Amino acid sequence: MALTLGSAGEFQMGGTVKPLDPGTVASVVRYGLAADSLVRQATGDALVYSQLYPFEGLQNYTSGIIHHVRLQGDRRRSLIPCSTIIFFFCIFFGSAMKYLHAGLEPATKYYYQCGDPALPGAMSAVHAFRTMPAVGPRSYPGRIAVVGDLGLTYNTTSTVDHMASNRPDLVLLVGDVCYANMYLTNGTGADCYSCAFGKSTPIHETYQPRWDYWGRYMEALTSGTPMMVVEGNHEIEEQIGNKTFAAYRSRFAFPSTESGSFSPFYYSFDAGGIHFLMLGAYADYGRSGEQYRWLEKDLAKVDRSVTPWLVAGWHAPWYTTYKAHYREVECMRVAMEELLYSHGLDIAFTGHVTPQSHPLTDTDRPTSVLWTLASSRE
């Protein structure tokens, strides 16, 4: 889990920014079976990240302190044998909180709070979450929400309200989180960055505080609902030194080690009788690359008697009639489609374009189904 603590953890914007010292606050999660009995405790690590644009007139950004806390569990009794992510905001502002199920009972409600108990007023309110059902063919999350291109607009409000009203047990976000890269560093935005700013800016700049605003807004949902995220094109966010994905890597937590991918861009996890694949449309997906080799190994280990359903998510769709993104990731489709089809992928979810569905292959064989979702106007 990760969180940002106290007023000393505010982000900074300006020509000159000085990163905060992550060692100045502890990373603590207290949890238990009752709100007034948080008898277990775990500690973790902290980090900050910066988004730097050393050009005249542009502002730099450095984040508040982001704390990742991992609750080590007994994977033999795994609820999700990898990680589940909970986003919420302790104290005044914050980031993401990640927990790895710590020998917790399946389908059980746990209460928790986070912060630094050594600092006055630096513990959050008490939140609660329910663990996933035990991995196996007879147990499933009751409801799973799948969303892409969420953003932070009036469309976001209606989408998140709809999700919350249906009380999902798990949320999958298939890329494009807050669209910070649609804004200049002074906060000025446009529906089309390249149309409005592309000819006048020395680099494709971003307004990083949108990440903070998005997280605060999402707290009501994600403080109690596990969320798994994979990257979209709006998370690339190039900065000085050709560095990319700094916010995405820092603010989210991924079961990269647990699933053997060792990458934040693609991974897998189980929830009840479902094996989920989260694939990277913006990482190397060629057949000679690491993602493809990992996918081969991961699929070979899937036991359909334990997880009868095989579900995948990535950002850009392989099939779409939307002209602006037509065949945009055709190379990914050519590389991976037959492998996924040969292992009986049941359904795939993508974002990036307006909602539609399509068989996973263009043959006349029985097919999997690819659903494309997008909710934001950004």
Protein backbone atom coordinates (compact mmCIF):
# COMPACT_ATOMS: atom_id res chain seq x y z
CA MET A 1 0.00 0.00 0.00
CA ALA A 2 1.16 3.56 -0.47
CA LEU A 3 0.05 6.84 1.03
CA THR A 4 1.17 10.44 1.39
CA LEU A 5 1.20 11.81 4.92
CA GLY A 6 0.71 15.16 6.61
CA SER A 7 1.13 18.78 5.52
CA ALA A 8 4.87 18.22 5.09
CA GLY A 9 3.99 15.88 2.24
CA GLU A 10 2.57 18.48 -0.16
CA PHE A 11 3.72 18.35 -3.77
CA GLN A 12 5.79 21.26 -5.09
CA MET A 13 5.53 23.11 -8.41
CA GLY A 14 7.96 25.76 -9.67
CA GLY A 15 11.14 26.53 -11.53
CA THR A 16 13.15 25.09 -8.66
CA VAL A 17 11.82 22.27 -6.50
CA LYS A 18 13.49 20.38 -3.68
CA PRO A 19 12.35 16.77 -3.19
CA LEU A 20 11.18 15.87 0.29
CA ASP A 21 13.07 13.33 2.37
CA PRO A 22 11.06 10.06 2.39
CA GLY A 23 12.79 9.06 5.62
CA THR A 24 11.12 11.79 7.67
CA VAL A 25 7.88 9.84 8.18
CA ALA A 26 7.18 6.18 8.90
CA SER A 27 5.07 3.95 6.66
CA VAL A 28 2.63 2.12 8.93
CA VAL A 29 -0.61 0.22 8.40
CA ARG A 30 -2.68 -1.01 11.33
CA TYR A 31 -5.44 -3.50 10.56
CA GLY A 32 -7.81 -6.00 12.14
CA LEU A 33 -11.27 -7.55 12.10
CA ALA A 34 -12.98 -4.66 13.86
CA ALA A 35 -12.69 -0.90 13.57
CA ASP A 36 -11.82 -0.63 17.27
CA SER A 37 -9.40 -3.56 17.22
CA LEU A 38 -6.60 -2.87 14.74
CA VAL A 39 -4.27 -5.34 16.41
CA ARG A 40 -1.96 -6.11 13.47
CA GLN A 41 0.67 -3.77 12.09
CA ALA A 42 2.92 -3.66 9.05
CA THR A 43 5.59 -1.18 7.94
CA GLY A 44 6.97 -0.37 4.52
CA ASP A 45 9.07 1.92 2.37
CA ALA A 46 8.68 5.47 1.08
CA LEU A 47 9.61 7.35 -2.09
CA VAL A 48 9.15 10.61 -3.95
CA TYR A 49 9.33 11.23 -7.68
CA SER A 50 9.90 14.31 -9.82
CA GLN A 51 8.71 15.40 -13.25
CA LEU A 52 11.34 17.81 -14.60
CA TYR A 53 11.16 20.18 -17.55
CA PRO A 54 14.31 22.40 -17.55
CA PHE A 55 12.99 24.76 -20.21
CA GLU A 56 12.28 28.47 -19.93
CA GLY A 57 8.75 29.16 -18.72
CA LEU A 58 7.97 25.56 -17.70
CA GLN A 59 7.44 24.44 -14.11
CA ASN A 60 8.93 21.39 -12.46
CA TYR A 61 7.10 19.08 -10.05
CA THR A 62 8.09 16.91 -7.12
CA SER A 63 5.60 14.71 -5.34
CA GLY A 64 4.59 14.31 -1.76
CA ILE A 65 5.99 11.31 0.09
CA ILE A 66 4.47 8.06 -1.19
CA HIS A 67 4.57 5.07 1.15
CA HIS A 68 4.31 1.46 0.01
CA VAL A 69 3.46 -1.07 2.71
CA ARG A 70 3.38 -4.79 2.00
CA LEU A 71 1.62 -7.24 4.27
CA GLN A 72 3.41 -10.53 3.74
CA GLY A 73 1.06 -13.47 3.53
CA ASP A 74 0.85 -17.21 3.36
CA ARG A 75 0.62 -17.78 -0.39
CA ARG A 76 -0.55 -21.35 0.16
CA ARG A 77 -3.83 -19.82 1.37
CA SER A 78 -3.65 -17.11 -1.23
CA LEU A 79 -6.73 -14.98 -1.81
CA ILE A 80 -5.14 -13.26 -4.75
CA PRO A 81 -1.75 -14.92 -5.02
CA CYS A 82 -0.30 -11.65 -6.18
CA SER A 83 -1.17 -8.12 -5.12
CA THR A 84 -4.29 -6.09 -4.83
CA ILE A 85 -4.15 -2.33 -4.81
CA ILE A 86 -6.19 0.05 -2.71
CA PHE A 87 -6.04 3.77 -3.44
CA PHE A 88 -6.90 6.28 -0.80
CA PHE A 89 -5.73 9.42 0.89
CA CYS A 90 -4.51 9.50 4.45
CA ILE A 91 -4.70 12.81 6.24
CA PHE A 92 -4.89 15.62 3.67
CA PHE A 93 -3.55 14.26 0.42
CA GLY A 94 -1.86 11.17 -0.82
CA SER A 95 -1.24 8.45 -3.27
CA ALA A 96 -1.77 4.71 -3.43
CA MET A 97 -1.84 2.07 -0.78
CA LYS A 98 -0.89 -1.46 -1.68
CA TYR A 99 -1.43 -4.59 0.34
CA LEU A 100 -0.40 -8.15 -0.35
CA HIS A 101 -2.93 -10.35 1.44
CA ALA A 102 -1.22 -11.31 4.67
CA GLY A 103 -2.57 -14.73 5.45
CA LEU A 104 -5.97 -13.05 5.67
CA GLU A 105 -9.13 -15.07 5.51
CA PRO A 106 -10.86 -15.10 2.11
CA ALA A 107 -14.06 -13.11 1.61
CA THR A 108 -13.55 -11.38 4.96
CA LYS A 109 -13.93 -7.72 5.90
CA TYR A 110 -10.88 -6.08 7.41
CA TYR A 111 -10.51 -2.60 8.87
CA TYR A 112 -7.34 -0.53 8.59
CA GLN A 113 -5.76 2.88 8.95
CA CYS A 114 -2.42 4.20 7.79
CA GLY A 115 0.04 6.93 8.58
CA ASP A 116 2.78 7.58 11.12
CA PRO A 117 1.59 6.98 14.71
CA ALA A 118 4.66 8.83 16.02
CA LEU A 119 3.47 12.13 14.54
CA PRO A 120 0.53 14.06 16.04
CA GLY A 121 -2.61 13.66 13.95
CA ALA A 122 -0.80 11.68 11.29
CA MET A 123 -3.02 8.58 11.17
CA SER A 124 -5.85 8.33 8.69
CA ALA A 125 -9.47 7.62 9.37
CA VAL A 126 -10.36 3.93 9.62
CA HIS A 127 -11.27 2.36 6.27
CA ALA A 128 -12.40 -1.17 5.42
CA PHE A 129 -11.99 -3.64 2.55
CA ARG A 130 -13.13 -7.18 1.81
CA THR A 131 -10.62 -9.78 0.68
CA MET A 132 -11.13 -11.70 -2.54
CA PRO A 133 -12.69 -15.16 -2.43
CA ALA A 134 -10.32 -18.09 -2.19
CA VAL A 135 -8.75 -19.19 -5.47
CA GLY A 136 -10.75 -22.08 -6.88
CA PRO A 137 -13.43 -23.02 -9.41
CA ARG A 138 -16.38 -22.51 -7.07
CA SER A 139 -15.69 -18.99 -5.79
CA TYR A 140 -15.79 -15.72 -7.67
CA PRO A 141 -15.92 -12.00 -6.93
CA GLY A 142 -19.58 -11.04 -6.93
CA ARG A 143 -19.10 -8.00 -9.16
CA ILE A 144 -16.10 -6.77 -11.14
CA ALA A 145 -16.02 -3.26 -12.59
CA VAL A 146 -13.89 -2.72 -15.69
CA VAL A 147 -13.14 0.82 -16.81
CA GLY A 148 -10.74 2.57 -19.14
CA ASP A 149 -9.79 6.18 -19.89
CA LEU A 150 -11.21 7.39 -16.60
CA GLY A 151 -9.85 10.94 -16.42
CA LEU A 152 -11.12 13.67 -14.12
CA THR A 153 -14.16 15.26 -15.79
CA TYR A 154 -17.94 15.31 -15.43
CA ASN A 155 -17.94 11.96 -17.29
CA THR A 156 -15.63 10.62 -14.60
CA THR A 157 -18.18 11.61 -11.97
CA SER A 158 -21.02 9.69 -13.62
CA THR A 159 -18.79 6.66 -14.26
CA VAL A 160 -17.41 6.49 -10.72
CA ASP A 161 -20.85 7.11 -9.20
CA HIS A 162 -22.21 4.25 -11.28
CA MET A 163 -19.39 1.94 -10.20
CA ALA A 164 -19.77 2.86 -6.53
CA SER A 165 -23.55 2.39 -6.58
CA ASN A 166 -23.05 -1.17 -7.84
CA ARG A 167 -20.55 -1.95 -5.04
CA PRO A 168 -17.93 -3.91 -7.00
CA ASP A 169 -15.62 -6.36 -5.30
CA LEU A 170 -12.78 -5.58 -7.70
CA VAL A 171 -11.99 -2.80 -10.19
CA LEU A 172 -9.82 -3.18 -13.30
CA LEU A 173 -8.52 0.06 -14.82
CA VAL A 174 -7.18 -0.65 -18.30
CA GLY A 175 -5.12 2.50 -18.74
CA ASP A 176 -5.38 6.27 -19.12
CA VAL A 177 -5.79 7.38 -15.54
CA CYS A 178 -5.92 11.17 -15.07
CA TYR A 179 -4.74 12.69 -18.37
CA ALA A 180 -2.11 14.91 -16.78
CA ASN A 181 -0.42 15.03 -20.18
CA MET A 182 -3.32 16.99 -21.69
CA TYR A 183 -2.25 20.04 -19.67
CA LEU A 184 0.64 22.49 -19.61
CA THR A 185 2.68 22.84 -16.43
CA ASN A 186 0.66 25.99 -15.62
CA GLY A 187 -2.53 23.93 -15.55
CA THR A 188 -3.95 25.08 -18.90
CA GLY A 189 -5.64 22.19 -20.67
CA ALA A 190 -7.06 21.28 -24.06
CA ASP A 191 -9.05 18.42 -25.59
CA CYS A 192 -6.20 17.90 -28.06
CA TYR A 193 -2.69 18.67 -26.81
CA SER A 194 -1.03 18.39 -30.20
CA CYS A 195 -3.65 20.65 -31.77
CA ALA A 196 -3.49 23.35 -29.07
CA PHE A 197 0.10 23.23 -27.81
CA GLY A 198 2.15 20.87 -29.94
CA LYS A 199 3.82 23.52 -32.11
CA SER A 200 4.73 25.87 -29.26
CA THR A 201 6.11 23.67 -26.47
CA PRO A 202 9.70 22.31 -26.35
CA ILE A 203 8.52 19.00 -24.85
CA HIS A 204 5.15 17.38 -24.29
CA GLU A 205 4.73 18.77 -20.79
CA THR A 206 2.26 17.60 -18.12
CA TYR A 207 0.44 19.01 -15.11
CA GLN A 208 1.34 16.50 -12.43
CA PRO A 209 -0.99 17.85 -9.67
CA ARG A 210 -3.83 16.19 -11.60
CA TRP A 211 -2.52 12.89 -10.26
CA ASP A 212 -2.99 14.22 -6.72
CA TYR A 213 -6.45 15.60 -7.49
CA TRP A 214 -7.49 12.32 -9.14
CA GLY A 215 -6.39 10.32 -6.12
CA ARG A 216 -8.29 12.52 -3.68
CA TYR A 217 -11.40 12.21 -5.79
CA MET A 218 -11.14 8.42 -6.07
CA GLU A 219 -10.65 7.87 -2.33
CA ALA A 220 -14.32 7.22 -1.62
CA LEU A 221 -14.31 4.24 -3.99
CA THR A 222 -10.79 2.91 -3.78
CA SER A 223 -10.31 3.12 -0.02
CA GLY A 224 -12.50 0.04 0.21
CA THR A 225 -12.33 -1.63 -3.21
CA PRO A 226 -9.23 -3.36 -4.61
CA MET A 227 -8.10 -1.87 -7.92
CA MET A 228 -5.66 -3.32 -10.47
CA VAL A 229 -4.18 -0.96 -13.06
CA VAL A 230 -2.27 -1.29 -16.33
CA GLU A 231 -0.69 1.55 -18.29
CA GLY A 232 -2.18 3.54 -21.16
CA ASN A 233 -0.62 5.99 -23.59
CA HIS A 234 -1.46 8.96 -21.35
CA GLU A 235 0.80 7.54 -18.62
CA ILE A 236 3.96 7.75 -20.79
CA GLU A 237 4.70 11.35 -19.75
CA GLU A 238 8.18 11.90 -21.17
CA GLN A 239 10.46 14.26 -19.23
CA ILE A 240 14.12 15.27 -19.18
CA GLY A 241 16.53 12.44 -20.01
CA ASN A 242 13.84 10.54 -21.95
CA LYS A 243 12.44 9.28 -18.65
CA THR A 244 8.89 7.97 -18.91
CA PHE A 245 6.09 6.60 -16.72
CA ALA A 246 7.48 8.20 -13.53
CA ALA A 247 4.07 8.89 -11.96
CA TYR A 248 2.64 5.53 -13.00
CA ARG A 249 5.59 3.59 -11.58
CA SER A 250 5.60 5.57 -8.32
CA ARG A 251 1.90 5.90 -7.51
CA PHE A 252 0.76 2.36 -8.28
CA ALA A 253 1.84 -1.01 -6.98
CA PHE A 254 2.01 -4.16 -9.08
CA PRO A 255 2.38 -7.90 -8.43
CA SER A 256 5.40 -7.94 -10.72
CA THR A 257 7.57 -10.14 -8.52
CA GLU A 258 4.74 -12.42 -7.45
CA SER A 259 3.69 -13.10 -11.05
CA GLY A 260 7.25 -13.42 -12.31
CA SER A 261 7.05 -10.53 -14.78
CA PHE A 262 9.31 -8.20 -12.77
CA SER A 263 7.74 -5.32 -14.71
CA PRO A 264 5.15 -2.67 -13.80
CA PHE A 265 3.79 -2.84 -17.35
CA TYR A 266 2.46 -6.41 -17.40
CA TYR A 267 1.62 -9.00 -14.74
CA SER A 268 -1.00 -11.57 -13.72
CA PHE A 269 -3.08 -12.45 -10.67
CA ASP A 270 -5.93 -14.73 -9.58
CA ALA A 271 -9.26 -13.76 -8.06
CA GLY A 272 -11.43 -16.72 -7.17
CA GLY A 273 -11.81 -18.85 -10.30
CA ILE A 274 -10.39 -16.21 -12.65
CA HIS A 275 -6.81 -15.84 -13.86
CA PHE A 276 -6.24 -12.25 -14.97
CA LEU A 277 -3.57 -11.13 -17.42
CA MET A 278 -2.73 -7.41 -17.48
CA LEU A 279 -0.68 -6.82 -20.64
CA GLY A 280 1.49 -3.91 -21.67
CA ALA A 281 0.59 -2.20 -24.94
CA TYR A 282 3.43 0.29 -24.34
CA ALA A 283 6.16 -2.18 -23.51
CA ASP A 284 8.00 -4.52 -25.86
CA TYR A 285 5.49 -7.14 -26.96
CA GLY A 286 7.48 -8.76 -29.79
CA ARG A 287 7.90 -12.52 -29.78
CA SER A 288 11.58 -12.20 -28.94
CA GLY A 289 10.92 -9.81 -26.06
CA GLU A 290 10.60 -10.33 -22.32
CA GLN A 291 6.84 -9.72 -22.13
CA TYR A 292 6.07 -12.40 -24.70
CA ARG A 293 8.38 -14.93 -23.04
CA TRP A 294 6.78 -14.17 -19.67
CA LEU A 295 3.29 -14.55 -21.16
CA GLU A 296 4.17 -17.95 -22.59
CA LYS A 297 5.36 -19.15 -19.18
CA ASP A 298 2.40 -17.65 -17.33
CA LEU A 299 -0.15 -19.23 -19.67
CA ALA A 300 1.59 -22.60 -19.43
CA LYS A 301 1.06 -22.55 -15.65
CA VAL A 302 -2.67 -21.80 -15.78
CA ASP A 303 -4.72 -24.71 -14.42
CA ARG A 304 -8.24 -24.40 -15.79
CA SER A 305 -9.51 -26.85 -13.18
CA VAL A 306 -8.56 -24.24 -10.56
CA THR A 307 -9.19 -21.02 -12.51
CA PRO A 308 -11.70 -21.92 -15.25
CA TRP A 309 -11.81 -18.35 -16.55
CA LEU A 310 -8.93 -16.67 -18.38
CA VAL A 311 -9.41 -12.89 -18.73
CA ALA A 312 -7.02 -10.27 -20.09
CA GLY A 313 -6.83 -6.50 -20.06
CA TRP A 314 -4.66 -4.00 -21.92
CA HIS A 315 -5.14 -0.46 -23.17
CA ALA A 316 -5.27 -0.11 -26.95
CA PRO A 317 -7.70 -2.44 -28.81
CA TRP A 318 -6.60 -4.77 -31.57
CA TYR A 319 -9.87 -4.37 -33.44
CA THR A 320 -11.61 -1.03 -33.84
CA THR A 321 -13.37 1.01 -36.49
CA TYR A 322 -12.36 4.26 -34.78
CA LYS A 323 -10.29 6.06 -37.43
CA ALA A 324 -8.00 8.01 -35.08
CA HIS A 325 -6.56 4.82 -33.55
CA TYR A 326 -7.18 2.34 -36.37
CA ARG A 327 -4.68 -0.54 -36.27
CA GLU A 328 -2.55 1.44 -33.83
CA VAL A 329 -1.28 -1.70 -32.07
CA GLU A 330 -1.51 -4.08 -35.01
CA CYS A 331 2.00 -5.33 -34.25
CA MET A 332 0.89 -6.35 -30.75
CA ARG A 333 -2.06 -8.23 -32.21
CA VAL A 334 0.15 -10.04 -34.72
CA ALA A 335 2.59 -11.01 -31.98
CA MET A 336 0.18 -12.13 -29.25
CA GLU A 337 -3.22 -13.01 -30.64
CA GLU A 338 -2.54 -16.60 -31.65
CA LEU A 339 -0.83 -17.34 -28.32
CA LEU A 340 -3.80 -16.06 -26.33
CA TYR A 341 -6.28 -17.81 -28.59
CA SER A 342 -4.42 -21.13 -28.37
CA HIS A 343 -4.75 -20.99 -24.57
CA GLY A 344 -8.47 -20.34 -24.73
CA LEU A 345 -8.63 -16.73 -23.57
CA ASP A 346 -12.27 -16.15 -22.67
CA ILE A 347 -12.53 -12.38 -22.78
CA ALA A 348 -10.30 -9.33 -23.14
CA PHE A 349 -10.99 -5.77 -22.04
CA THR A 350 -9.38 -2.70 -23.59
CA GLY A 351 -9.90 1.06 -23.56
CA HIS A 352 -8.61 3.92 -25.72
CA VAL A 353 -11.65 4.27 -28.02
CA THR A 354 -15.44 4.40 -27.82
CA PRO A 355 -17.15 1.22 -26.52
CA GLN A 356 -17.51 -1.73 -28.91
CA SER A 357 -16.99 -5.48 -29.00
CA HIS A 358 -15.32 -7.84 -31.47
CA PRO A 359 -14.27 -11.49 -31.69
CA LEU A 360 -10.63 -11.90 -30.74
CA THR A 361 -9.79 -13.41 -34.14
CA ASP A 362 -11.10 -12.90 -37.67
CA THR A 363 -11.43 -16.61 -38.36
CA ASP A 364 -14.62 -18.65 -38.41
CA ARG A 365 -13.47 -20.68 -35.41
CA PRO A 366 -15.19 -20.30 -32.02
CA THR A 367 -13.74 -17.11 -30.62
CA SER A 368 -13.02 -15.16 -27.53
CA VAL A 369 -14.58 -11.72 -27.21
CA LEU A 370 -12.76 -8.41 -26.95
CA TRP A 371 -14.65 -5.58 -25.22
CA THR A 372 -13.45 -2.00 -25.61
CA LEU A 373 -14.38 0.56 -22.95
CA ALA A 374 -13.75 4.27 -22.54
CA SER A 375 -15.45 6.73 -20.22
CA SER A 376 -13.74 10.13 -20.38
CA ARG A 377 -14.10 13.03 -22.79
CA GLU A 378 -10.40 13.88 -22.39
